[in-house]
Structures are given as structure tokens and as C-alpha cells.
Amino acid sequence: MHEMAICESIRGIIEEEAARQDFRKVGRVCMEIGRLSAVEVEALKFGFDVVMRGSLAQDARLEIVETEGRAWCMPCGQSVPIAARFDPCPDCGSHQLQVTGGQEMKIRELEVS
């Protein structure tokens, strides 16, 4: 489950930022995760609680903002929403799509004290 490794990375980022910005506690972590990022949100939430034990973010609330998948359709020249990789264009049915969004995975904001 790579979500645990992602949570370890989040913890590392929090610790680095705490040292840099001098905060002592994290109350909320807001993450932006794209639907095409291959992250299982429920597993990430579970892993977050486990990995954050004993850290600055021990009691922090994890909020997930999911971004939709988007792709550029080469034949029809449109930016279109997609639910999964290799989906056809919803407008013309083509499979010649270049993914342009929905792969993101980043910490959007931290609520700290």
C-alpha cells in the first residue's frame, strides 16, 4: 500500500515546515488529490491517522479535495473530463487523449499553531 509511504512523506514535509516556520501543532492538513493519481483516498485517510501518531499532526484533521481528470482530445481539439486513464473522449469517442489534469497530489494548506 503506497498510501503509507505517501503519509510518511507528508509527515516529513510537516516536520520540515515546522522547523522552518516555527510552529508546534498542526490542526488540519488539506490535500489536493487528482482522480487519476492512483491514490486510494480511504487508504490514505487510514494511513494518515496511523503515521501521524506521536507527531505535530497527531490530532490533525485530513481534508481531501479531489480534482477531476482532464485530457486534451487531439482529433476534436477539446479539453474534456475523463474518469479514468484510457477512457475515450466523451465528445467524439477517440482514444487519442493527452492527460492534462487529475494527476495532482499536493498539500494545499496546513492549519497550524
C-alpha atoms as a PDB file:
ATOM      1  CA  MET A   1       0.000   0.000   0.000  1.00  0.00           C
ATOM      2  CA  HIS A   2       1.875   3.069  -1.249  1.00  0.00           C
ATOM      3  CA  GLU A   3      -0.513   5.354   0.656  1.00  0.00           C
ATOM      4  CA  MET A   4       1.504   4.675   3.828  1.00  0.00           C
ATOM      5  CA  ALA A   5       4.652   5.902   2.063  1.00  0.00           C
ATOM      6  CA  ILE A   6       2.741   8.997   0.949  1.00  0.00           C
ATOM      7  CA  CYS A   7       1.737   9.629   4.574  1.00  0.00           C
ATOM      8  CA  GLU A   8       5.363   9.272   5.656  1.00  0.00           C
ATOM      9  CA  SER A   9       6.280  11.914   3.069  1.00  0.00           C
ATOM     10  CA  ILE A  10       3.516  14.203   4.357  1.00  0.00           C
ATOM     11  CA  ARG A  11       4.860  13.805   7.884  1.00  0.00           C
ATOM     12  CA  GLY A  12       8.359  14.663   6.665  1.00  0.00           C
ATOM     13  CA  ILE A  13       7.101  17.796   4.910  1.00  0.00           C
ATOM     14  CA  ILE A  14       5.228  18.861   8.052  1.00  0.00           C
ATOM     15  CA  GLU A  15       8.340  18.382  10.186  1.00  0.00           C
ATOM     16  CA  GLU A  16      10.494  20.366   7.727  1.00  0.00           C
ATOM     17  CA  GLU A  17       7.968  23.212   7.610  1.00  0.00           C
ATOM     18  CA  ALA A  18       7.643  23.228  11.409  1.00  0.00           C
ATOM     19  CA  ALA A  19      11.398  23.689  11.728  1.00  0.00           C
ATOM     20  CA  ARG A  20      11.418  26.391   9.051  1.00  0.00           C
ATOM     21  CA  GLN A  21       8.307  28.296  10.181  1.00  0.00           C
ATOM     22  CA  ASP A  22       8.450  27.544  13.920  1.00  0.00           C
ATOM     23  CA  PHE A  23       5.028  26.054  14.615  1.00  0.00           C
ATOM     24  CA  ARG A  24       4.263  23.421  17.219  1.00  0.00           C
ATOM     25  CA  LYS A  25       0.963  21.816  16.240  1.00  0.00           C
ATOM     26  CA  VAL A  26      -0.989  21.029  13.093  1.00  0.00           C
ATOM     27  CA  GLY A  27      -4.776  21.111  13.356  1.00  0.00           C
ATOM     28  CA  ARG A  28      -5.688  20.480   9.733  1.00  0.00           C
ATOM     29  CA  VAL A  29      -4.000  19.218   6.577  1.00  0.00           C
ATOM     30  CA  CYS A  30      -5.769  19.949   3.299  1.00  0.00           C
ATOM     31  CA  MET A  31      -4.582  17.890   0.341  1.00  0.00           C
ATOM     32  CA  GLU A  32      -5.420  18.173  -3.332  1.00  0.00           C
ATOM     33  CA  ILE A  33      -5.520  14.768  -4.991  1.00  0.00           C
ATOM     34  CA  GLY A  34      -6.394  14.138  -8.613  1.00  0.00           C
ATOM     35  CA  ARG A  35      -8.708  11.295  -9.573  1.00  0.00           C
ATOM     36  CA  LEU A  36      -6.037   9.959 -11.930  1.00  0.00           C
ATOM     37  CA  SER A  37      -3.251   9.985  -9.313  1.00  0.00           C
ATOM     38  CA  ALA A  38      -3.703   6.300  -8.373  1.00  0.00           C
ATOM     39  CA  VAL A  39      -4.210   7.198  -4.700  1.00  0.00           C
ATOM     40  CA  GLU A  40      -6.874   5.323  -2.766  1.00  0.00           C
ATOM     41  CA  VAL A  41      -8.383   8.113  -0.652  1.00  0.00           C
ATOM     42  CA  GLU A  42      -9.781   5.867   2.100  1.00  0.00           C
ATOM     43  CA  ALA A  43      -6.433   4.093   2.480  1.00  0.00           C
ATOM     44  CA  LEU A  44      -4.705   7.486   2.658  1.00  0.00           C
ATOM     45  CA  LYS A  45      -7.062   8.620   5.431  1.00  0.00           C
ATOM     46  CA  PHE A  46      -6.402   5.443   7.411  1.00  0.00           C
ATOM     47  CA  GLY A  47      -2.647   5.680   6.883  1.00  0.00           C
ATOM     48  CA  PHE A  48      -2.633   9.347   7.857  1.00  0.00           C
ATOM     49  CA  ASP A  49      -4.046   8.615  11.314  1.00  0.00           C
ATOM     50  CA  VAL A  50      -1.529   5.814  11.863  1.00  0.00           C
ATOM     51  CA  VAL A  51       1.560   7.649  10.591  1.00  0.00           C
ATOM     52  CA  MET A  52       0.802  10.937  12.367  1.00  0.00           C
ATOM     53  CA  ARG A  53       0.715   9.353  15.841  1.00  0.00           C
ATOM     54  CA  GLY A  54       3.345  10.963  18.032  1.00  0.00           C
ATOM     55  CA  SER A  55       3.934  13.837  15.601  1.00  0.00           C
ATOM     56  CA  LEU A  56       2.944  17.505  15.404  1.00  0.00           C
ATOM     57  CA  ALA A  57      -0.080  16.390  13.388  1.00  0.00           C
ATOM     58  CA  GLN A  58      -1.230  13.657  15.780  1.00  0.00           C
ATOM     59  CA  ASP A  59      -4.769  15.009  16.131  1.00  0.00           C
ATOM     60  CA  ALA A  60      -4.903  16.803  12.788  1.00  0.00           C
ATOM     61  CA  ARG A  61      -7.947  16.552  10.548  1.00  0.00           C
ATOM     62  CA  LEU A  62      -7.178  15.437   6.994  1.00  0.00           C
ATOM     63  CA  GLU A  63      -9.263  17.069   4.263  1.00  0.00           C
ATOM     64  CA  ILE A  64      -9.119  15.811   0.702  1.00  0.00           C
ATOM     65  CA  VAL A  65     -10.060  17.957  -2.286  1.00  0.00           C
ATOM     66  CA  GLU A  66     -10.412  15.713  -5.336  1.00  0.00           C
ATOM     67  CA  THR A  67      -9.702  17.219  -8.737  1.00  0.00           C
ATOM     68  CA  GLU A  68     -11.299  15.776 -11.849  1.00  0.00           C
ATOM     69  CA  GLY A  69      -9.406  14.046 -14.597  1.00  0.00           C
ATOM     70  CA  ARG A  70      -8.967  16.154 -17.738  1.00  0.00           C
ATOM     71  CA  ALA A  71      -7.483  15.424 -21.119  1.00  0.00           C
ATOM     72  CA  TRP A  72      -6.864  17.135 -24.442  1.00  0.00           C
ATOM     73  CA  CYS A  73      -8.516  15.307 -27.327  1.00  0.00           C
ATOM     74  CA  MET A  74      -6.291  15.503 -30.380  1.00  0.00           C
ATOM     75  CA  PRO A  75      -8.951  14.810 -33.069  1.00  0.00           C
ATOM     76  CA  CYS A  76     -11.618  17.216 -31.807  1.00  0.00           C
ATOM     77  CA  GLY A  77      -9.267  19.720 -30.147  1.00  0.00           C
ATOM     78  CA  GLN A  78     -11.250  19.929 -26.910  1.00  0.00           C
ATOM     79  CA  SER A  79     -10.318  19.770 -23.253  1.00  0.00           C
ATOM     80  CA  VAL A  80     -12.608  17.070 -21.851  1.00  0.00           C
ATOM     81  CA  PRO A  81     -13.304  15.464 -18.469  1.00  0.00           C
ATOM     82  CA  ILE A  82     -12.294  11.819 -18.034  1.00  0.00           C
ATOM     83  CA  ALA A  83     -12.983   9.464 -15.147  1.00  0.00           C
ATOM     84  CA  ALA A  84     -10.068   7.092 -15.790  1.00  0.00           C
ATOM     85  CA  ARG A  85      -6.991   6.766 -17.961  1.00  0.00           C
ATOM     86  CA  PHE A  86      -7.683   5.258 -21.362  1.00  0.00           C
ATOM     87  CA  ASP A  87     -11.305   6.418 -21.337  1.00  0.00           C
ATOM     88  CA  PRO A  88     -12.488   7.598 -24.753  1.00  0.00           C
ATOM     89  CA  CYS A  89     -13.266  11.225 -25.476  1.00  0.00           C
ATOM     90  CA  PRO A  90     -16.845  11.865 -24.336  1.00  0.00           C
ATOM     91  CA  ASP A  91     -17.406  14.116 -27.374  1.00  0.00           C
ATOM     92  CA  CYS A  92     -16.007  12.133 -30.315  1.00  0.00           C
ATOM     93  CA  GLY A  93     -15.112   8.697 -28.886  1.00  0.00           C
ATOM     94  CA  SER A  94     -11.429   8.948 -29.815  1.00  0.00           C
ATOM     95  CA  HIS A  95      -8.744   7.363 -27.643  1.00  0.00           C
ATOM     96  CA  GLN A  96      -6.113   9.886 -28.736  1.00  0.00           C
ATOM     97  CA  LEU A  97      -6.141  11.791 -25.465  1.00  0.00           C
ATOM     98  CA  GLN A  98      -3.348  13.534 -23.623  1.00  0.00           C
ATOM     99  CA  VAL A  99      -3.956  13.767 -19.876  1.00  0.00           C
ATOM    100  CA  THR A 100      -3.745  17.392 -18.694  1.00  0.00           C
ATOM    101  CA  GLY A 101      -5.190  17.247 -15.180  1.00  0.00           C
ATOM    102  CA  GLY A 102      -6.192  14.992 -12.346  1.00  0.00           C
ATOM    103  CA  GLN A 103      -2.739  13.607 -11.567  1.00  0.00           C
ATOM    104  CA  GLU A 104      -2.003  16.133  -8.824  1.00  0.00           C
ATOM    105  CA  MET A 105      -1.111  15.219  -5.289  1.00  0.00           C
ATOM    106  CA  LYS A 106      -0.067  18.101  -3.090  1.00  0.00           C
ATOM    107  CA  ILE A 107      -0.520  19.682   0.290  1.00  0.00           C
ATOM    108  CA  ARG A 108      -2.802  22.616  -0.376  1.00  0.00           C
ATOM    109  CA  GLU A 109      -2.686  24.145   3.111  1.00  0.00           C
ATOM    110  CA  LEU A 110      -1.796  23.499   6.729  1.00  0.00           C
ATOM    111  CA  GLU A 111      -3.644  24.930   9.713  1.00  0.00           C
ATOM    112  CA  VAL A 112      -1.002  25.369  12.397  1.00  0.00           C
ATOM    113  CA  SER A 113      -0.433  26.924  15.796  1.00  0.00           C
END
